[in-house]
C-alpha atoms as a PDB file:
ATOM      1  CA  MET A   1     145.037 144.708 132.071  1.00  0.00           C
ATOM      2  CA  ARG A   2     145.662 147.476 134.596  1.00  0.00           C
ATOM      3  CA  ARG A   3     144.837 145.116 137.463  1.00  0.00           C
ATOM      4  CA  THR A   4     147.347 142.580 136.114  1.00  0.00           C
ATOM      5  CA  LEU A   5     150.074 145.233 135.942  1.00  0.00           C
ATOM      6  CA  ASN A   6     149.316 146.323 139.494  1.00  0.00           C
ATOM      7  CA  ASN A   7     149.526 142.692 140.656  1.00  0.00           C
ATOM      8  CA  ILE A   8     152.877 142.279 138.910  1.00  0.00           C
ATOM      9  CA  ARG A   9     154.212 145.483 140.488  1.00  0.00           C
ATOM     10  CA  GLU A  10     153.054 144.340 143.918  1.00  0.00           C
ATOM     11  CA  LEU A  11     154.699 140.935 143.477  1.00  0.00           C
ATOM     12  CA  ALA A  12     157.932 142.566 142.261  1.00  0.00           C
ATOM     13  CA  SER A  13     157.964 144.773 145.367  1.00  0.00           C
ATOM     14  CA  GLN A  14     157.503 141.715 147.556  1.00  0.00           C
ATOM     15  CA  VAL A  15     160.380 139.906 145.814  1.00  0.00           C
ATOM     16  CA  VAL A  16     162.696 142.887 146.332  1.00  0.00           C
ATOM     17  CA  ALA A  17     161.692 143.074 150.009  1.00  0.00           C
ATOM     18  CA  LEU A  18     162.343 139.334 150.475  1.00  0.00           C
ATOM     19  CA  GLN A  19     165.760 139.625 148.806  1.00  0.00           C
ATOM     20  CA  LYS A  20     166.666 142.529 151.080  1.00  0.00           C
ATOM     21  CA  HIS A  21     165.528 140.567 154.136  1.00  0.00           C
ATOM     22  CA  ALA A  22     167.516 137.484 153.048  1.00  0.00           C
ATOM     23  CA  ARG A  23     170.634 139.627 152.566  1.00  0.00           C
ATOM     24  CA  SER A  24     170.219 141.134 156.045  1.00  0.00           C
ATOM     25  CA  MET A  25     170.266 137.584 157.458  1.00  0.00           C
ATOM     26  CA  GLY A  26     173.489 136.693 155.623  1.00  0.00           C
ATOM     27  CA  LEU A  27     171.706 134.627 153.004  1.00  0.00           C
ATOM     28  CA  PHE A  28     172.263 134.811 149.255  1.00  0.00           C
ATOM     29  CA  PRO A  29     169.047 135.706 147.407  1.00  0.00           C
ATOM     30  CA  GLY A  30     170.453 134.662 144.020  1.00  0.00           C
ATOM     31  CA  ASP A  31     169.948 138.085 142.488  1.00  0.00           C
ATOM     32  CA  ARG A  32     173.465 138.275 141.018  1.00  0.00           C
ATOM     33  CA  GLU A  33     176.425 136.107 140.059  1.00  0.00           C
ATOM     34  CA  LEU A  34     178.823 134.892 142.736  1.00  0.00           C
ATOM     35  CA  LEU A  35     182.054 136.893 142.784  1.00  0.00           C
ATOM     36  CA  GLU A  36     185.731 135.975 142.495  1.00  0.00           C
ATOM     37  CA  CYS A  37     188.579 138.447 142.883  1.00  0.00           C
ATOM     38  CA  PRO A  38     191.049 137.987 140.012  1.00  0.00           C
ATOM     39  CA  LYS A  39     193.851 139.589 142.034  1.00  0.00           C
ATOM     40  CA  CYS A  40     193.800 137.706 145.365  1.00  0.00           C
ATOM     41  CA  GLY A  41     191.467 134.808 144.540  1.00  0.00           C
ATOM     42  CA  LEU A  42     188.821 135.470 147.211  1.00  0.00           C
ATOM     43  CA  LEU A  43     185.712 133.503 146.229  1.00  0.00           C
ATOM     44  CA  GLU A  44     182.053 133.653 147.154  1.00  0.00           C
ATOM     45  CA  ASP A  45     180.034 130.492 147.623  1.00  0.00           C
ATOM     46  CA  VAL A  46     176.661 129.551 149.042  1.00  0.00           C
ATOM     47  CA  LEU A  47     176.230 126.833 151.645  1.00  0.00           C
ATOM     48  CA  ILE A  48     173.357 124.360 151.368  1.00  0.00           C
ATOM     49  CA  GLY A  49     171.325 126.442 153.847  1.00  0.00           C
ATOM     50  CA  GLY A  50     171.657 129.539 151.640  1.00  0.00           C
ATOM     51  CA  LYS A  51     174.340 131.333 153.670  1.00  0.00           C
ATOM     52  CA  LEU A  52     176.785 133.407 151.596  1.00  0.00           C
ATOM     53  CA  ILE A  53     180.440 132.799 152.487  1.00  0.00           C
ATOM     54  CA  THR A  54     183.835 133.866 151.156  1.00  0.00           C
ATOM     55  CA  TYR A  55     187.092 131.923 151.220  1.00  0.00           C
ATOM     56  CA  HIS A  56     190.494 131.731 149.597  1.00  0.00           C
ATOM     57  CA  ALA A  57     191.514 128.735 147.480  1.00  0.00           C
ATOM     58  CA  GLY A  58     192.385 125.761 149.647  1.00  0.00           C
ATOM     59  CA  ALA A  59     189.946 126.755 152.385  1.00  0.00           C
ATOM     60  CA  GLU A  60     186.737 125.614 150.687  1.00  0.00           C
ATOM     61  CA  GLY A  61     183.717 125.860 152.939  1.00  0.00           C
ATOM     62  CA  GLN A  62     185.580 127.799 155.651  1.00  0.00           C
ATOM     63  CA  ASP A  63     184.049 131.266 155.800  1.00  0.00           C
ATOM     64  CA  SER A  64     186.639 134.038 156.004  1.00  0.00           C
ATOM     65  CA  GLY A  65     183.994 136.423 157.330  1.00  0.00           C
ATOM     66  CA  LEU A  66     184.904 138.943 154.617  1.00  0.00           C
ATOM     67  CA  ARG A  67     182.211 140.286 152.287  1.00  0.00           C
ATOM     68  CA  PHE A  68     182.505 142.028 148.931  1.00  0.00           C
ATOM     69  CA  VAL A  69     181.271 145.610 149.171  1.00  0.00           C
ATOM     70  CA  GLU A  70     178.839 146.742 146.488  1.00  0.00           C
ATOM     71  CA  LEU A  71     180.008 150.028 144.973  1.00  0.00           C
ATOM     72  CA  SER A  72     177.448 150.339 142.198  1.00  0.00           C
ATOM     73  CA  GLU A  73     175.439 148.043 140.006  1.00  0.00           C
ATOM     74  CA  ARG A  74     177.721 145.141 138.998  1.00  0.00           C
ATOM     75  CA  ARG A  75     180.835 146.658 140.663  1.00  0.00           C
ATOM     76  CA  PHE A  76     182.209 145.466 143.987  1.00  0.00           C
ATOM     77  CA  CYS A  77     185.291 146.052 146.134  1.00  0.00           C
ATOM     78  CA  CYS A  78     187.232 143.017 147.317  1.00  0.00           C
ATOM     79  CA  PRO A  79     187.455 143.134 151.126  1.00  0.00           C
ATOM     80  CA  SER A  80     190.762 141.277 151.099  1.00  0.00           C
ATOM     81  CA  CYS A  81     192.881 143.281 148.653  1.00  0.00           C
ATOM     82  CA  GLY A  82     190.737 146.296 147.691  1.00  0.00           C
ATOM     83  CA  SER A  83     190.519 145.434 143.982  1.00  0.00           C
ATOM     84  CA  ILE A  84     187.468 146.363 141.967  1.00  0.00           C
ATOM     85  CA  VAL A  85     185.547 143.240 140.907  1.00  0.00           C
ATOM     86  CA  LYS A  86     182.928 143.374 138.172  1.00  0.00           C
ATOM     87  CA  GLU A  87     180.017 140.986 138.114  1.00  0.00           C
ATOM     88  CA  ARG A  88     179.934 138.984 134.883  1.00  0.00           C
END
């Protein structure tokens, strides 16, 4: 049983490291919901290659280059208007 728990902990550590690495490359690791700012309408989306992008309505697929800033768990700051956005 102890060996199984150690294996699970090791695998969890590897998953966290892979998610961090993916984020550093601009990819979306799928560890949270995509965000949408209710005030200005800035949206997150993921391209087929896994790249995280943001855009305003009407500019689908055209990356604005802006990124939501994580403030705390499930709370982000919109880079476009400064509003606080909560993950659902």
